[in-house]
Structure formats: structure tokens, C-alpha cells
Amino acid sequence: MANTNSLDFNGSSAYVGVGNSSVFNVTSSATWFGWIYPRTFGSNNWIFGKDLSGARSYAVGLSASGTILINKNGGQVTAGTGTAFSVNTWQHYILTYDNSNWIMYINNVSAATVANTGAITTTTTNVDIGRRPFVGSNGYFNIIMCQMGMASTAISSAERTALYSSETLPASTIGYWSFNEGTGAIASDTSGNGNNGTITSATWGKNVPARTNIGAMFALF
């Protein structure tokens, strides 16, 4: 179902905390996905963060130039690689990791591939959307988001297309927050795992992706 609401992150204090459930302890494969509307690119623009001093797992986001930015186990995997995202427009992102490569897709088109191997460390650190706690006040993102999710596998090409074109969630989805509530301080997790998010400082809005169905594909206006 297309959203009629979205969540607005102010870039200085706004985030959604979704807890530290063991389902978020992905190791050799994972996927992060959602619709994002970046307003500016600062030095750090974090979308998902499970990364705290002494207990570091993963953080994914965009660099100061709008390209893929990844930190794994406390080490920077890449910054400044591939096609950049744009500001002030909705874009769908899918980021996969398969223990060989990180691949970013923008609107289901490959935008960057970064070779990297090794397991992601498991920790009890909370997962936050819209910030990376390890870098403190520099870890927030000035952005609007909706339909944010995470899966425990590197989803297939068919799953990517179904997710982008018809909002069909991958079978391995472990968390999904549509940000369509429009009111209140809770972002419901509708993946079935019940990891509802607590909203801090982010505000509800009506700026949502505008899409028109053309056969099996959706196109941005």
C-alpha cells in the first residue's frame, strides 16, 4: 500500500530506535531498503546504525557527496563510490551484502559495488534509523523517510524488482517500518517480529513518493 504519511528527521536529534532484538544480528548476508528524500548531505548521513563504542556491528548511509557510505565492525568499508543520490527528491534504495560484495541500487538500478568479505560482528547494541550513535551529534541525517526495512539475506533480483515495483516484502524481512501512522510516537514493525520503533524528535509529514503504476513498474513523477 502506498504511503500517505512519512517521517521527517531534522538532522540534529531525530531518530527511531527499534531495539536490540537478536534478529538484527545479521552476519554473512543482509539487505537494507526504503524510500528516502535527503535534504542535505553533511559529513555523516546515516540511515541505519547498529554501532556503539565497544559493540560495533554495522552502519549504512550516504557520504558528503551522496554516495554509498558503509561501516562494518568499526571499520570504514567505503565512502565516495558509485552513483550519488540526489537531494530534494524521492529515491528508492536497496543495499545488499552477501559476504563478497556490498551493492547499492537506486530505483532498482545498480549504483555501486564494493568488494568486501567477512562476517558482521553480532552485538547487543540497539538499531537506530536516522542516526549512528557511535559518532554522536554528527551521526544524524536531514532526511524524510518511509517504508524502511531490513532483511537477513542478500535478496535476489526477482525480490528486488517485486519490492521496488509492487512493495512486496522479501521473505527474509526481519523489520519493516512503513512510517505511515501519521500520528503518535511509535513506528510499528509490520514484519511480524514486533520490533516497534520509538520516535525521538522526528515529525510526521505528508511528503511521500509519488508513483504511477505502468504495467509491472512504478515510475517517479
C-alpha atoms as a PDB file:
ATOM      1  CA  MET A   1       0.000   0.000   0.000  1.00  0.00           C
ATOM      2  CA  ALA A   2       1.354   3.410  -0.951  1.00  0.00           C
ATOM      3  CA  ASN A   3       2.055   5.736   1.948  1.00  0.00           C
ATOM      4  CA  THR A   4       0.059   8.858   2.710  1.00  0.00           C
ATOM      5  CA  ASN A   5       2.465   9.806   5.532  1.00  0.00           C
ATOM      6  CA  SER A   6       6.212   9.932   6.060  1.00  0.00           C
ATOM      7  CA  LEU A   7       8.636  10.685   8.875  1.00  0.00           C
ATOM      8  CA  ASP A   8      10.785  13.828   8.844  1.00  0.00           C
ATOM      9  CA  PHE A   9      14.243  13.708  10.501  1.00  0.00           C
ATOM     10  CA  ASN A  10      15.749  17.081  11.442  1.00  0.00           C
ATOM     11  CA  GLY A  11      19.413  16.119  11.087  1.00  0.00           C
ATOM     12  CA  SER A  12      20.324  17.049  14.648  1.00  0.00           C
ATOM     13  CA  SER A  13      18.346  14.975  17.146  1.00  0.00           C
ATOM     14  CA  ALA A  14      15.752  12.887  15.291  1.00  0.00           C
ATOM     15  CA  TYR A  15      15.865   9.109  15.066  1.00  0.00           C
ATOM     16  CA  VAL A  16      13.761   5.977  15.515  1.00  0.00           C
ATOM     17  CA  GLY A  17      15.064   3.364  17.939  1.00  0.00           C
ATOM     18  CA  VAL A  18      13.902  -0.154  17.096  1.00  0.00           C
ATOM     19  CA  GLY A  19      15.637  -2.087  19.878  1.00  0.00           C
ATOM     20  CA  ASN A  20      18.311  -4.767  20.023  1.00  0.00           C
ATOM     21  CA  SER A  21      16.433  -7.924  19.075  1.00  0.00           C
ATOM     22  CA  SER A  22      18.700 -10.790  18.056  1.00  0.00           C
ATOM     23  CA  VAL A  23      17.013 -10.836  14.625  1.00  0.00           C
ATOM     24  CA  PHE A  24      19.102  -7.762  13.752  1.00  0.00           C
ATOM     25  CA  ASN A  25      22.335  -9.717  14.291  1.00  0.00           C
ATOM     26  CA  VAL A  26      22.960 -10.433  10.619  1.00  0.00           C
ATOM     27  CA  THR A  27      26.392 -11.883   9.901  1.00  0.00           C
ATOM     28  CA  SER A  28      27.167 -13.055   6.351  1.00  0.00           C
ATOM     29  CA  SER A  29      24.283 -11.506   4.405  1.00  0.00           C
ATOM     30  CA  ALA A  30      21.691  -8.758   4.733  1.00  0.00           C
ATOM     31  CA  THR A  31      19.615  -6.179   2.879  1.00  0.00           C
ATOM     32  CA  TRP A  32      18.515  -2.674   3.871  1.00  0.00           C
ATOM     33  CA  PHE A  33      15.836  -0.853   1.887  1.00  0.00           C
ATOM     34  CA  GLY A  34      13.357   2.021   1.790  1.00  0.00           C
ATOM     35  CA  TRP A  35      12.330   5.346   0.283  1.00  0.00           C
ATOM     36  CA  ILE A  36      14.492   8.347   1.163  1.00  0.00           C
ATOM     37  CA  TYR A  37      14.304  12.086   0.464  1.00  0.00           C
ATOM     38  CA  PRO A  38      17.637  13.628   1.503  1.00  0.00           C
ATOM     39  CA  ARG A  39      17.527  17.377   2.049  1.00  0.00           C
ATOM     40  CA  THR A  40      21.247  17.964   2.574  1.00  0.00           C
ATOM     41  CA  PHE A  41      24.403  15.888   2.796  1.00  0.00           C
ATOM     42  CA  GLY A  42      26.550  16.584   5.826  1.00  0.00           C
ATOM     43  CA  SER A  43      29.781  14.811   6.696  1.00  0.00           C
ATOM     44  CA  ASN A  44      27.788  11.825   8.022  1.00  0.00           C
ATOM     45  CA  ASN A  45      24.340  10.826   6.756  1.00  0.00           C
ATOM     46  CA  TRP A  46      23.350   7.601   8.457  1.00  0.00           C
ATOM     47  CA  ILE A  47      20.231   5.633   7.529  1.00  0.00           C
ATOM     48  CA  PHE A  48      20.636   2.541   9.749  1.00  0.00           C
ATOM     49  CA  GLY A  49      23.082   2.253  12.639  1.00  0.00           C
ATOM     50  CA  LYS A  50      23.895  -0.651  14.968  1.00  0.00           C
ATOM     51  CA  ASP A  51      27.177   0.822  16.061  1.00  0.00           C
ATOM     52  CA  LEU A  52      28.243   1.938  19.529  1.00  0.00           C
ATOM     53  CA  SER A  53      31.664   2.223  21.137  1.00  0.00           C
ATOM     54  CA  GLY A  54      32.752  -1.219  22.306  1.00  0.00           C
ATOM     55  CA  ALA A  55      29.925  -3.004  20.472  1.00  0.00           C
ATOM     56  CA  ARG A  56      30.169  -2.237  16.772  1.00  0.00           C
ATOM     57  CA  SER A  57      28.239  -4.073  14.051  1.00  0.00           C
ATOM     58  CA  TYR A  58      27.102  -2.044  11.024  1.00  0.00           C
ATOM     59  CA  ALA A  59      26.137   1.408   9.872  1.00  0.00           C
ATOM     60  CA  VAL A  60      24.870   2.251   6.402  1.00  0.00           C
ATOM     61  CA  GLY A  61      24.267   5.666   4.920  1.00  0.00           C
ATOM     62  CA  LEU A  62      25.455   8.246   2.408  1.00  0.00           C
ATOM     63  CA  SER A  63      28.660  10.254   2.187  1.00  0.00           C
ATOM     64  CA  ALA A  64      29.005  14.039   1.958  1.00  0.00           C
ATOM     65  CA  SER A  65      28.717  13.674  -1.834  1.00  0.00           C
ATOM     66  CA  GLY A  66      25.644  11.435  -1.641  1.00  0.00           C
ATOM     67  CA  THR A  67      27.400   8.173  -2.471  1.00  0.00           C
ATOM     68  CA  ILE A  68      27.340   4.912  -0.525  1.00  0.00           C
ATOM     69  CA  LEU A  69      28.810   5.007   2.993  1.00  0.00           C
ATOM     70  CA  ILE A  70      29.333   1.798   4.988  1.00  0.00           C
ATOM     71  CA  ASN A  71      30.966   0.972   8.299  1.00  0.00           C
ATOM     72  CA  LYS A  72      31.342  -2.665   9.352  1.00  0.00           C
ATOM     73  CA  ASN A  73      32.702  -3.850  12.714  1.00  0.00           C
ATOM     74  CA  GLY A  74      34.148  -0.407  13.368  1.00  0.00           C
ATOM     75  CA  GLY A  75      35.996  -0.110  10.050  1.00  0.00           C
ATOM     76  CA  GLN A  76      35.007   2.027   7.088  1.00  0.00           C
ATOM     77  CA  VAL A  77      34.263  -0.150   4.071  1.00  0.00           C
ATOM     78  CA  THR A  78      33.703   2.649   1.590  1.00  0.00           C
ATOM     79  CA  ALA A  79      32.798   6.291   1.122  1.00  0.00           C
ATOM     80  CA  GLY A  80      32.564   8.074  -2.208  1.00  0.00           C
ATOM     81  CA  THR A  81      31.955   5.099  -4.513  1.00  0.00           C
ATOM     82  CA  GLY A  82      29.477   4.906  -7.404  1.00  0.00           C
ATOM     83  CA  THR A  83      26.424   6.926  -8.412  1.00  0.00           C
ATOM     84  CA  ALA A  84      25.292   9.584  -5.963  1.00  0.00           C
ATOM     85  CA  PHE A  85      21.804  10.106  -4.590  1.00  0.00           C
ATOM     86  CA  SER A  86      20.171  13.495  -5.184  1.00  0.00           C
ATOM     87  CA  VAL A  87      18.767  15.973  -2.678  1.00  0.00           C
ATOM     88  CA  ASN A  88      15.129  17.089  -2.536  1.00  0.00           C
ATOM     89  CA  THR A  89      13.723  14.149  -4.459  1.00  0.00           C
ATOM     90  CA  TRP A  90      12.411  10.710  -3.511  1.00  0.00           C
ATOM     91  CA  GLN A  91      14.606   7.746  -4.359  1.00  0.00           C
ATOM     92  CA  HIS A  92      14.252   4.086  -3.509  1.00  0.00           C
ATOM     93  CA  TYR A  93      17.358   2.404  -2.164  1.00  0.00           C
ATOM     94  CA  ILE A  94      18.263  -1.248  -1.716  1.00  0.00           C
ATOM     95  CA  LEU A  95      21.645  -2.158  -0.217  1.00  0.00           C
ATOM     96  CA  THR A  96      22.686  -5.805  -0.149  1.00  0.00           C
ATOM     97  CA  TYR A  97      25.623  -7.634   1.435  1.00  0.00           C
ATOM     98  CA  ASP A  98      26.441 -11.239   0.507  1.00  0.00           C
ATOM     99  CA  ASN A  99      29.830 -11.742   2.230  1.00  0.00           C
ATOM    100  CA  SER A 100      31.560 -10.858  -1.042  1.00  0.00           C
ATOM    101  CA  ASN A 101      30.132  -7.512  -2.119  1.00  0.00           C
ATOM    102  CA  TRP A 102      28.053  -4.587  -0.926  1.00  0.00           C
ATOM    103  CA  ILE A 103      25.763  -3.475  -3.772  1.00  0.00           C
ATOM    104  CA  MET A 104      23.659  -0.315  -3.751  1.00  0.00           C
ATOM    105  CA  TYR A 105      20.634   0.044  -6.020  1.00  0.00           C
ATOM    106  CA  ILE A 106      18.892   3.358  -6.686  1.00  0.00           C
ATOM    107  CA  ASN A 107      15.383   2.897  -8.048  1.00  0.00           C
ATOM    108  CA  ASN A 108      16.332  -0.761  -8.712  1.00  0.00           C
ATOM    109  CA  VAL A 109      19.345   0.210 -10.859  1.00  0.00           C
ATOM    110  CA  SER A 110      22.817  -0.781  -9.678  1.00  0.00           C
ATOM    111  CA  ALA A 111      24.650   2.321  -8.421  1.00  0.00           C
ATOM    112  CA  ALA A 112      27.739   0.935  -6.665  1.00  0.00           C
ATOM    113  CA  THR A 113      29.513  -2.349  -5.952  1.00  0.00           C
ATOM    114  CA  VAL A 114      32.154  -2.620  -3.242  1.00  0.00           C
ATOM    115  CA  ALA A 115      34.103  -5.834  -2.685  1.00  0.00           C
ATOM    116  CA  ASN A 116      34.294  -6.851   0.970  1.00  0.00           C
ATOM    117  CA  THR A 117      34.342 -10.152   2.832  1.00  0.00           C
ATOM    118  CA  GLY A 118      33.990 -11.273   6.420  1.00  0.00           C
ATOM    119  CA  ALA A 119      31.215 -11.701   8.947  1.00  0.00           C
ATOM    120  CA  ILE A 120      29.459  -8.772  10.578  1.00  0.00           C
ATOM    121  CA  THR A 121      30.005  -8.821  14.342  1.00  0.00           C
ATOM    122  CA  THR A 122      26.978  -9.626  16.481  1.00  0.00           C
ATOM    123  CA  THR A 123      26.287  -7.291  19.396  1.00  0.00           C
ATOM    124  CA  THR A 124      23.509  -6.258  21.758  1.00  0.00           C
ATOM    125  CA  THR A 125      23.688  -2.662  20.502  1.00  0.00           C
ATOM    126  CA  ASN A 126      20.360  -1.061  19.588  1.00  0.00           C
ATOM    127  CA  VAL A 127      19.431  -0.469  15.968  1.00  0.00           C
ATOM    128  CA  ASP A 128      18.568   3.134  15.130  1.00  0.00           C
ATOM    129  CA  ILE A 129      17.034   4.550  11.970  1.00  0.00           C
ATOM    130  CA  GLY A 130      18.232   8.032  11.079  1.00  0.00           C
ATOM    131  CA  ARG A 131      21.414   8.083  13.149  1.00  0.00           C
ATOM    132  CA  ARG A 132      24.615   6.247  14.050  1.00  0.00           C
ATOM    133  CA  PRO A 133      25.199   6.520  17.813  1.00  0.00           C
ATOM    134  CA  PHE A 134      28.963   5.938  17.614  1.00  0.00           C
ATOM    135  CA  VAL A 135      29.623   9.366  16.061  1.00  0.00           C
ATOM    136  CA  GLY A 136      27.313  11.242  18.445  1.00  0.00           C
ATOM    137  CA  SER A 137      25.898  14.552  17.224  1.00  0.00           C
ATOM    138  CA  ASN A 138      27.490  14.026  13.791  1.00  0.00           C
ATOM    139  CA  GLY A 139      25.539  10.831  13.234  1.00  0.00           C
ATOM    140  CA  TYR A 140      22.151  12.261  12.260  1.00  0.00           C
ATOM    141  CA  PHE A 141      20.620  12.715   8.784  1.00  0.00           C
ATOM    142  CA  ASN A 142      18.482  15.618   7.499  1.00  0.00           C
ATOM    143  CA  ILE A 143      16.041  13.470   5.550  1.00  0.00           C
ATOM    144  CA  ILE A 144      12.473  12.277   5.060  1.00  0.00           C
ATOM    145  CA  MET A 145      11.873   8.517   5.029  1.00  0.00           C
ATOM    146  CA  CYS A 146       9.143   5.942   4.559  1.00  0.00           C
ATOM    147  CA  GLN A 147       8.816   2.185   4.028  1.00  0.00           C
ATOM    148  CA  MET A 148      12.113   1.369   5.737  1.00  0.00           C
ATOM    149  CA  GLY A 149      13.101  -2.246   6.122  1.00  0.00           C
ATOM    150  CA  MET A 150      15.791  -4.829   6.670  1.00  0.00           C
ATOM    151  CA  ALA A 151      16.173  -8.458   5.580  1.00  0.00           C
ATOM    152  CA  SER A 152      18.501 -11.209   6.774  1.00  0.00           C
ATOM    153  CA  THR A 153      19.621 -12.242   3.273  1.00  0.00           C
ATOM    154  CA  ALA A 154      21.029 -10.525   0.207  1.00  0.00           C
ATOM    155  CA  ILE A 155      17.737 -10.519  -1.669  1.00  0.00           C
ATOM    156  CA  SER A 156      17.536 -11.817  -5.236  1.00  0.00           C
ATOM    157  CA  SER A 157      16.964  -9.827  -8.416  1.00  0.00           C
ATOM    158  CA  ALA A 158      13.356 -11.004  -8.524  1.00  0.00           C
ATOM    159  CA  GLU A 159      12.813  -9.955  -4.910  1.00  0.00           C
ATOM    160  CA  ARG A 160      14.348  -6.533  -5.597  1.00  0.00           C
ATOM    161  CA  THR A 161      12.015  -5.955  -8.518  1.00  0.00           C
ATOM    162  CA  ALA A 162       8.973  -7.079  -6.512  1.00  0.00           C
ATOM    163  CA  LEU A 163       9.963  -4.829  -3.624  1.00  0.00           C
ATOM    164  CA  TYR A 164      10.512  -1.768  -5.806  1.00  0.00           C
ATOM    165  CA  SER A 165       7.612  -2.219  -8.224  1.00  0.00           C
ATOM    166  CA  SER A 166       4.849  -3.631  -6.031  1.00  0.00           C
ATOM    167  CA  GLU A 167       6.029  -3.198  -2.413  1.00  0.00           C
ATOM    168  CA  THR A 168       6.223  -6.973  -1.948  1.00  0.00           C
ATOM    169  CA  LEU A 169       8.451  -7.606   1.049  1.00  0.00           C
ATOM    170  CA  PRO A 170      11.225 -10.208   0.770  1.00  0.00           C
ATOM    171  CA  ALA A 171      10.569 -13.497   2.572  1.00  0.00           C
ATOM    172  CA  SER A 172      13.611 -12.852   4.781  1.00  0.00           C
ATOM    173  CA  THR A 173      12.379  -9.453   6.038  1.00  0.00           C
ATOM    174  CA  ILE A 174      13.227  -9.048   9.733  1.00  0.00           C
ATOM    175  CA  GLY A 175      11.963  -5.496  10.240  1.00  0.00           C
ATOM    176  CA  TYR A 176       9.654  -3.178   8.310  1.00  0.00           C
ATOM    177  CA  TRP A 177       8.532   0.288   9.366  1.00  0.00           C
ATOM    178  CA  SER A 178       6.237   1.994   6.851  1.00  0.00           C
ATOM    179  CA  PHE A 179       6.140   5.300   8.773  1.00  0.00           C
ATOM    180  CA  ASN A 180       2.534   5.634   7.650  1.00  0.00           C
ATOM    181  CA  GLU A 181       0.926   6.092  11.073  1.00  0.00           C
ATOM    182  CA  GLY A 182       0.802   9.886  10.738  1.00  0.00           C
ATOM    183  CA  THR A 183       0.468  10.433  14.485  1.00  0.00           C
ATOM    184  CA  GLY A 184       1.941   9.288  17.777  1.00  0.00           C
ATOM    185  CA  ALA A 185       5.424   8.347  18.951  1.00  0.00           C
ATOM    186  CA  ILE A 186       5.512   4.710  17.802  1.00  0.00           C
ATOM    187  CA  ALA A 187       6.506   3.368  14.382  1.00  0.00           C
ATOM    188  CA  SER A 188       5.014  -0.095  14.060  1.00  0.00           C
ATOM    189  CA  ASP A 189       7.079  -3.016  12.794  1.00  0.00           C
ATOM    190  CA  THR A 190       4.793  -4.976  10.484  1.00  0.00           C
ATOM    191  CA  SER A 191       7.321  -7.700   9.627  1.00  0.00           C
ATOM    192  CA  GLY A 192       5.809  -9.969  12.246  1.00  0.00           C
ATOM    193  CA  ASN A 193       8.752  -9.596  14.631  1.00  0.00           C
ATOM    194  CA  GLY A 194       7.143  -6.853  16.695  1.00  0.00           C
ATOM    195  CA  ASN A 195      10.179  -4.575  16.936  1.00  0.00           C
ATOM    196  CA  ASN A 196       8.183  -1.359  17.070  1.00  0.00           C
ATOM    197  CA  GLY A 197      10.211   1.831  16.900  1.00  0.00           C
ATOM    198  CA  THR A 198      10.237   4.681  19.403  1.00  0.00           C
ATOM    199  CA  ILE A 199      10.285   8.049  17.638  1.00  0.00           C
ATOM    200  CA  THR A 200      12.534  10.766  19.059  1.00  0.00           C
ATOM    201  CA  SER A 201      12.259  14.327  17.658  1.00  0.00           C
ATOM    202  CA  ALA A 202      11.165  13.196  14.161  1.00  0.00           C
ATOM    203  CA  THR A 203       7.852  14.623  12.943  1.00  0.00           C
ATOM    204  CA  TRP A 204       5.062  13.333  10.746  1.00  0.00           C
ATOM    205  CA  GLY A 205       4.516  14.820   7.295  1.00  0.00           C
ATOM    206  CA  LYS A 206       2.667  14.370   4.016  1.00  0.00           C
ATOM    207  CA  ASN A 207       5.621  14.451   1.621  1.00  0.00           C
ATOM    208  CA  VAL A 208       5.555  10.950   0.121  1.00  0.00           C
ATOM    209  CA  PRO A 209       6.824   9.264  -3.065  1.00  0.00           C
ATOM    210  CA  ALA A 210       4.508   9.956  -5.984  1.00  0.00           C
ATOM    211  CA  ARG A 211       4.282   6.883  -8.171  1.00  0.00           C
ATOM    212  CA  THR A 212       2.179   5.768 -11.088  1.00  0.00           C
ATOM    213  CA  ASN A 213       1.691   2.124 -11.990  1.00  0.00           C
ATOM    214  CA  ILE A 214       2.822   1.320 -15.546  1.00  0.00           C
ATOM    215  CA  GLY A 215       2.396  -2.389 -16.085  1.00  0.00           C
ATOM    216  CA  ALA A 216       4.649  -4.054 -13.544  1.00  0.00           C
ATOM    217  CA  MET A 217       6.783  -0.999 -12.894  1.00  0.00           C
ATOM    218  CA  PHE A 218       6.436   2.168 -10.856  1.00  0.00           C
ATOM    219  CA  ALA A 219       7.946   5.405 -12.115  1.00  0.00           C
ATOM    220  CA  LEU A 220       8.701   8.509 -10.125  1.00  0.00           C
ATOM    221  CA  PHE A 221       6.995  11.684 -11.254  1.00  0.00           C
END
